[in-house]
Amino acid sequence: MLKETEIDALIGQMFDEIRFTREPAGLYDPLRYMIQIGGKRIRPRLCLTAYSFFSDTFDEGILSPATALEVFHSFTLMHDDIMDRSPLRRGMPTVWKKWNEDTAILSGDVMLIDAYQRIARAPRAVMDRVLALFSRTAAQVCDGQQYDMDFESETEVPMADYNKMVGLKTAVLLACSAAMGAIIGGASTRESDALYNYGYELGMAFQVADDYLDAFGDEKVFGKPIGGDIVNGKKSWLTVRTLEKTSDKAAFLSAFALPADTPEQRSAKITAVRDIYMACGVDADAKAEIVRFTDRALEAVSGIGFGPLKMEVLRRFAEKLVGRAR
């Protein structure tokens, strides 16, 4: 089993060496840009971590599919940024802002195709399982994005519906990452299923943490403007929880509907909504929910026979992913 530092080095090498077709530059430059601006590479990292539990041979059969997970994730971000009108991604201009919407759409489409080409390099013995898992996950992510957009026109969203959306939009890709690494590594169905569930619950924790940090994080650390969900009227975990708890829904909805056309209006809206969040205690509730989902992730892999060393690796992975919001 590789050490965390060894996986870090392998991830760095994978993305330093990634190549895309050079021409036409107007199509492929945005792909290179999205990869170059980086990120935590959570999905390929989890894939390689799970794989290392079962195999020590790191060749194209695992490295290419692991890279595909990040390429696919970048494709979803490129399109999501258009829909969310987000100006920044990881502290840098989003593709649609740097180029234009048409370029972001077409370049995103090419990233999806590229991801499938990389998935197709998985070992022949497990290709059917890997391709089925990835294709199902890709469709689920799109389902989740549609639910997310649908929620924007709803006054209230039940927490069960919100969790369903997050499960599809965010959690299934982390689940896929863990299971794919396990499958390619030679895990049993029981082991790969347990790692899938670990990734799913961790993905749920990650999204609550992301929602929390969008309202209460540090912009320099978060990588995009704080309060974006509030400004754009997006239903986050904090919003859903506030509407469950508040005794004055009208006041909250009024604050949530404030205009944000100027920097002054934006600041006033974020402050008004955050004040209600804190008055309702949903900032503390979010932290408790992050802990709950993280505990469920670790419970999913307990009793599988991974042993203390592997369980510690999974615990540390979870802590590094969501600890910034706990």
Foldseek 3Di string as FASTA:
>chain_A
DDDLVVLVVVVVVLLVPDDDDPPPVLQCVLLNVLSVLPDPLLLLSLLQLLLVLQDDDDDLQNSLLSVLLVLLVSLVVLLVCVVLVFQWDLQHGRPCNVPNDVSSNNSSVVSNVSSVVSLCSHDPVCSVVLVVLVVVLSVLLVVLVVLQVVCLPPLADAPVSVLSSQLRNWQQSQLSSNLNSNVSSPHDPLQSNLSSLLSNLLRSLLQLLLLLCLLVNDCNVNRGHRCSCLQSSTDGPLNNVLVVQDPCSVQLSVLSPFHDPDVVSSVSSSVSNVVSSVVRPVLVVSVVSSVVSNVSSLVSNPPVPSDDVSSVVSNVSSCVSRVVSD
